[in-house]
């Protein structure tokens, strides 16, 4: 089981949220990344324990968002195709 650190980037002026990074701090490199982020103003917001690797965790956490983006892209393509066929007549 892997234990990952969750760090949230500093919020920009006027933003209500900021990106969250998942970092594997089991190695010296990971611990260094966590330390660098903390010094840069990131905030520790929690831990995740999982057998999955970081890319798999990110894919799972972003699954519904990616679906919505894909649906919006398909809708846009459909509208663009309809507009192009109308203009070609």
N, C-alpha and C. Protein backbone atom coordinates (compact mmCIF):
# COMPACT_ATOMS: atom_id res chain seq x y z
N UNK A 1 0.86 -1.18 0.00
CA UNK A 1 0.00 0.00 0.00
C UNK A 1 0.90 1.24 0.00
N UNK A 2 0.63 2.14 -0.91
CA UNK A 2 1.38 3.39 -1.01
C UNK A 2 0.62 4.49 -0.27
N UNK A 3 1.37 5.37 0.35
CA UNK A 3 0.77 6.51 1.03
C UNK A 3 1.28 7.77 0.33
N UNK A 4 0.34 8.57 -0.18
CA UNK A 4 0.67 9.76 -0.93
C UNK A 4 0.27 11.01 -0.16
N UNK A 5 1.04 12.08 -0.36
CA UNK A 5 0.77 13.37 0.26
C UNK A 5 -0.06 14.19 -0.71
N UNK A 6 -1.07 14.88 -0.20
CA UNK A 6 -1.87 15.80 -1.00
C UNK A 6 -1.48 17.22 -0.61
N UNK A 7 -1.05 18.00 -1.60
CA UNK A 7 -0.67 19.38 -1.36
C UNK A 7 -1.47 20.28 -2.29
N UNK A 8 -2.00 21.37 -1.74
CA UNK A 8 -2.74 22.32 -2.56
C UNK A 8 -1.88 23.55 -2.81
N UNK A 9 -1.83 23.94 -4.09
CA UNK A 9 -1.07 25.13 -4.49
C UNK A 9 -1.66 26.37 -3.85
N UNK A 10 -0.85 27.41 -3.72
CA UNK A 10 -1.38 28.66 -3.18
C UNK A 10 -2.50 29.19 -4.08
N UNK A 11 -3.52 29.75 -3.47
CA UNK A 11 -4.65 30.30 -4.23
C UNK A 11 -4.27 31.68 -4.76
N UNK A 12 -4.59 31.89 -6.04
CA UNK A 12 -4.36 33.20 -6.64
C UNK A 12 -5.43 34.17 -6.14
N UNK A 13 -5.14 35.45 -6.21
CA UNK A 13 -6.09 36.47 -5.77
C UNK A 13 -7.42 36.32 -6.50
N UNK A 14 -8.50 36.19 -5.75
CA UNK A 14 -9.82 36.07 -6.33
C UNK A 14 -10.26 34.64 -6.63
N UNK A 15 -9.36 33.68 -6.54
CA UNK A 15 -9.72 32.28 -6.79
C UNK A 15 -10.25 31.65 -5.51
N UNK A 16 -11.20 30.73 -5.68
CA UNK A 16 -11.74 30.05 -4.50
C UNK A 16 -11.08 28.68 -4.30
N UNK A 17 -10.31 28.22 -5.28
CA UNK A 17 -9.62 26.95 -5.16
C UNK A 17 -8.31 27.00 -5.94
N UNK A 18 -7.50 25.97 -5.80
CA UNK A 18 -6.22 25.88 -6.49
C UNK A 18 -5.91 24.41 -6.76
N UNK A 19 -5.00 24.14 -7.69
CA UNK A 19 -4.67 22.74 -8.01
C UNK A 19 -4.15 21.97 -6.80
N UNK A 20 -4.42 20.67 -6.82
CA UNK A 20 -3.95 19.77 -5.78
C UNK A 20 -2.98 18.79 -6.42
N UNK A 21 -1.82 18.62 -5.80
CA UNK A 21 -0.82 17.67 -6.29
C UNK A 21 -0.81 16.44 -5.40
N UNK A 22 -0.62 15.29 -6.04
CA UNK A 22 -0.46 14.01 -5.33
C UNK A 22 1.01 13.65 -5.45
N UNK A 23 1.69 13.51 -4.33
CA UNK A 23 3.13 13.24 -4.36
C UNK A 23 3.43 11.99 -3.55
N UNK A 24 4.18 11.08 -4.17
CA UNK A 24 4.67 9.88 -3.49
C UNK A 24 5.94 10.29 -2.74
N UNK A 25 5.86 10.34 -1.43
CA UNK A 25 7.02 10.79 -0.66
C UNK A 25 7.78 9.63 0.00
N UNK A 26 7.69 8.45 -0.61
CA UNK A 26 8.39 7.29 -0.05
C UNK A 26 9.90 7.37 -0.28
N UNK A 27 10.32 8.12 -1.29
CA UNK A 27 11.75 8.21 -1.61
C UNK A 27 12.28 9.59 -1.20
N UNK A 28 13.60 9.73 -1.25
CA UNK A 28 14.22 11.01 -0.94
C UNK A 28 13.80 12.07 -1.95
N UNK A 29 13.63 11.68 -3.21
CA UNK A 29 13.20 12.62 -4.25
C UNK A 29 11.79 13.13 -3.93
N UNK A 30 10.89 12.22 -3.56
CA UNK A 30 9.53 12.62 -3.22
C UNK A 30 9.49 13.52 -2.00
N UNK A 31 10.28 13.20 -1.00
CA UNK A 31 10.35 14.03 0.20
C UNK A 31 10.87 15.42 -0.15
N UNK A 32 11.84 15.47 -1.06
CA UNK A 32 12.37 16.76 -1.52
C UNK A 32 11.32 17.57 -2.26
N UNK A 33 10.51 16.89 -3.10
CA UNK A 33 9.43 17.59 -3.81
C UNK A 33 8.42 18.17 -2.83
N UNK A 34 8.08 17.40 -1.81
CA UNK A 34 7.13 17.89 -0.80
C UNK A 34 7.72 19.12 -0.10
N UNK A 35 8.97 19.03 0.29
CA UNK A 35 9.62 20.14 0.98
C UNK A 35 9.67 21.39 0.10
N UNK A 36 10.00 21.22 -1.18
CA UNK A 36 10.04 22.36 -2.11
C UNK A 36 8.67 23.02 -2.23
N UNK A 37 7.63 22.20 -2.34
CA UNK A 37 6.28 22.74 -2.50
C UNK A 37 5.84 23.49 -1.23
N UNK A 38 6.14 22.92 -0.08
CA UNK A 38 5.78 23.58 1.19
C UNK A 38 6.47 24.94 1.28
N UNK A 39 7.74 24.99 0.91
CA UNK A 39 8.48 26.26 0.94
C UNK A 39 7.93 27.25 -0.07
N UNK A 40 7.31 26.74 -1.15
CA UNK A 40 6.72 27.60 -2.18
C UNK A 40 5.30 28.05 -1.81
N UNK A 41 4.81 27.63 -0.63
CA UNK A 41 3.51 28.09 -0.18
C UNK A 41 2.38 27.09 -0.32
N UNK A 42 2.69 25.87 -0.76
CA UNK A 42 1.66 24.84 -0.85
C UNK A 42 1.23 24.45 0.56
N UNK A 43 -0.01 23.97 0.68
CA UNK A 43 -0.56 23.59 1.98
C UNK A 43 -0.85 22.10 1.98
N UNK A 44 -0.42 21.42 3.05
CA UNK A 44 -0.71 19.99 3.21
C UNK A 44 -2.19 19.85 3.52
N UNK A 45 -2.91 19.07 2.68
CA UNK A 45 -4.35 18.93 2.90
C UNK A 45 -4.77 17.50 3.21
N UNK A 46 -3.81 16.56 3.17
CA UNK A 46 -4.19 15.20 3.53
C UNK A 46 -3.30 14.14 2.92
N UNK A 47 -3.78 12.91 3.06
CA UNK A 47 -3.07 11.72 2.59
C UNK A 47 -4.04 10.83 1.82
N UNK A 48 -3.50 10.03 0.92
CA UNK A 48 -4.28 8.98 0.27
C UNK A 48 -3.45 7.71 0.37
N UNK A 49 -4.05 6.64 0.81
CA UNK A 49 -3.40 5.33 0.79
C UNK A 49 -4.06 4.50 -0.29
N UNK A 50 -3.24 3.94 -1.18
CA UNK A 50 -3.78 3.19 -2.30
C UNK A 50 -2.72 2.28 -2.89
N UNK A 51 -3.17 1.21 -3.54
CA UNK A 51 -2.26 0.34 -4.29
C UNK A 51 -1.99 0.91 -5.68
N UNK A 52 -2.76 1.93 -6.09
CA UNK A 52 -2.59 2.54 -7.40
C UNK A 52 -1.38 3.48 -7.41
N UNK A 53 -0.85 3.70 -8.60
CA UNK A 53 0.23 4.67 -8.77
C UNK A 53 -0.40 6.06 -9.00
N UNK A 54 0.41 7.11 -8.93
CA UNK A 54 -0.08 8.48 -9.04
C UNK A 54 -0.87 8.72 -10.34
N UNK A 55 -0.36 8.31 -11.52
CA UNK A 55 -1.14 8.56 -12.74
C UNK A 55 -2.52 7.88 -12.73
N UNK A 56 -2.58 6.70 -12.15
CA UNK A 56 -3.86 5.99 -12.05
C UNK A 56 -4.81 6.72 -11.10
N UNK A 57 -4.29 7.23 -10.00
CA UNK A 57 -5.11 7.99 -9.06
C UNK A 57 -5.66 9.25 -9.72
N UNK A 58 -4.78 9.98 -10.43
CA UNK A 58 -5.22 11.20 -11.11
C UNK A 58 -6.29 10.88 -12.14
N UNK A 59 -6.10 9.82 -12.91
CA UNK A 59 -7.09 9.45 -13.92
C UNK A 59 -8.44 9.14 -13.27
N UNK A 60 -8.42 8.48 -12.15
CA UNK A 60 -9.66 8.17 -11.45
C UNK A 60 -10.33 9.41 -10.87
N UNK A 61 -9.53 10.31 -10.31
CA UNK A 61 -10.09 11.53 -9.72
C UNK A 61 -10.62 12.48 -10.79
N UNK A 62 -10.04 12.43 -11.99
CA UNK A 62 -10.45 13.32 -13.07
C UNK A 62 -11.44 12.67 -14.03
N UNK A 63 -11.89 11.45 -13.73
CA UNK A 63 -12.71 10.68 -14.65
C UNK A 63 -13.96 11.43 -15.11
N UNK A 64 -14.77 11.91 -14.18
CA UNK A 64 -16.02 12.58 -14.54
C UNK A 64 -15.78 13.90 -15.25
N UNK A 65 -14.75 14.61 -14.83
CA UNK A 65 -14.40 15.87 -15.50
C UNK A 65 -14.00 15.59 -16.95
N UNK A 66 -13.20 14.57 -17.18
CA UNK A 66 -12.78 14.23 -18.55
C UNK A 66 -13.98 13.82 -19.40
N UNK A 67 -14.93 13.10 -18.81
CA UNK A 67 -16.13 12.71 -19.54
C UNK A 67 -16.90 13.95 -19.99
N UNK A 68 -17.06 14.90 -19.11
CA UNK A 68 -17.80 16.12 -19.45
C UNK A 68 -17.09 16.92 -20.53
N UNK A 69 -15.77 16.99 -20.46
CA UNK A 69 -15.01 17.70 -21.50
C UNK A 69 -15.17 16.99 -22.84
N UNK A 70 -15.12 15.67 -22.82
CA UNK A 70 -15.28 14.90 -24.06
C UNK A 70 -16.68 15.10 -24.65
N UNK A 71 -17.70 15.11 -23.80
CA UNK A 71 -19.07 15.35 -24.28
C UNK A 71 -19.20 16.75 -24.87
N UNK A 72 -18.61 17.73 -24.23
CA UNK A 72 -18.66 19.10 -24.74
C UNK A 72 -17.93 19.19 -26.08
N UNK A 73 -16.80 18.52 -26.20
CA UNK A 73 -16.05 18.51 -27.45
C UNK A 73 -16.88 17.87 -28.58
N UNK A 74 -17.54 16.75 -28.29
CA UNK A 74 -18.38 16.10 -29.30
C UNK A 74 -19.52 17.01 -29.73
N UNK A 75 -20.13 17.70 -28.77
CA UNK A 75 -21.21 18.63 -29.09
C UNK A 75 -20.68 19.77 -29.97
N UNK A 76 -19.55 20.30 -29.62
CA UNK A 76 -18.93 21.37 -30.42
C UNK A 76 -18.65 20.88 -31.84
N UNK A 77 -18.10 19.69 -31.98
CA UNK A 77 -17.81 19.12 -33.30
C UNK A 77 -19.10 18.97 -34.11
N UNK A 78 -20.17 18.52 -33.47
CA UNK A 78 -21.46 18.36 -34.14
C UNK A 78 -21.97 19.71 -34.64
N UNK A 79 -21.89 20.72 -33.79
CA UNK A 79 -22.33 22.06 -34.17
C UNK A 79 -21.47 22.60 -35.31
N UNK A 80 -20.15 22.40 -35.23
CA UNK A 80 -19.24 22.86 -36.28
C UNK A 80 -19.53 22.16 -37.60
N UNK A 81 -19.79 20.86 -37.56
CA UNK A 81 -20.13 20.12 -38.77
C UNK A 81 -21.42 20.64 -39.40
N UNK A 82 -22.42 20.88 -38.54
CA UNK A 82 -23.69 21.41 -39.05
C UNK A 82 -23.49 22.80 -39.68
N UNK A 83 -22.69 23.64 -39.02
CA UNK A 83 -22.44 24.98 -39.55
C UNK A 83 -21.69 24.91 -40.88
N UNK A 84 -20.70 24.02 -40.95
CA UNK A 84 -19.94 23.88 -42.21
C UNK A 84 -20.82 23.37 -43.34
N UNK A 85 -21.69 22.41 -43.05
CA UNK A 85 -22.55 21.88 -44.11
C UNK A 85 -23.56 22.95 -44.56
N UNK A 86 -24.01 23.79 -43.64
CA UNK A 86 -24.93 24.88 -43.98
C UNK A 86 -24.21 25.90 -44.86
N UNK A 87 -22.96 26.21 -44.54
CA UNK A 87 -22.20 27.21 -45.31
C UNK A 87 -21.81 26.69 -46.69
N UNK A 88 -21.67 25.38 -46.84
CA UNK A 88 -21.27 24.79 -48.12
C UNK A 88 -22.44 24.69 -49.10
N UNK A 89 -23.65 24.86 -48.64
CA UNK A 89 -24.83 24.75 -49.54
C UNK A 89 -24.93 25.90 -50.48
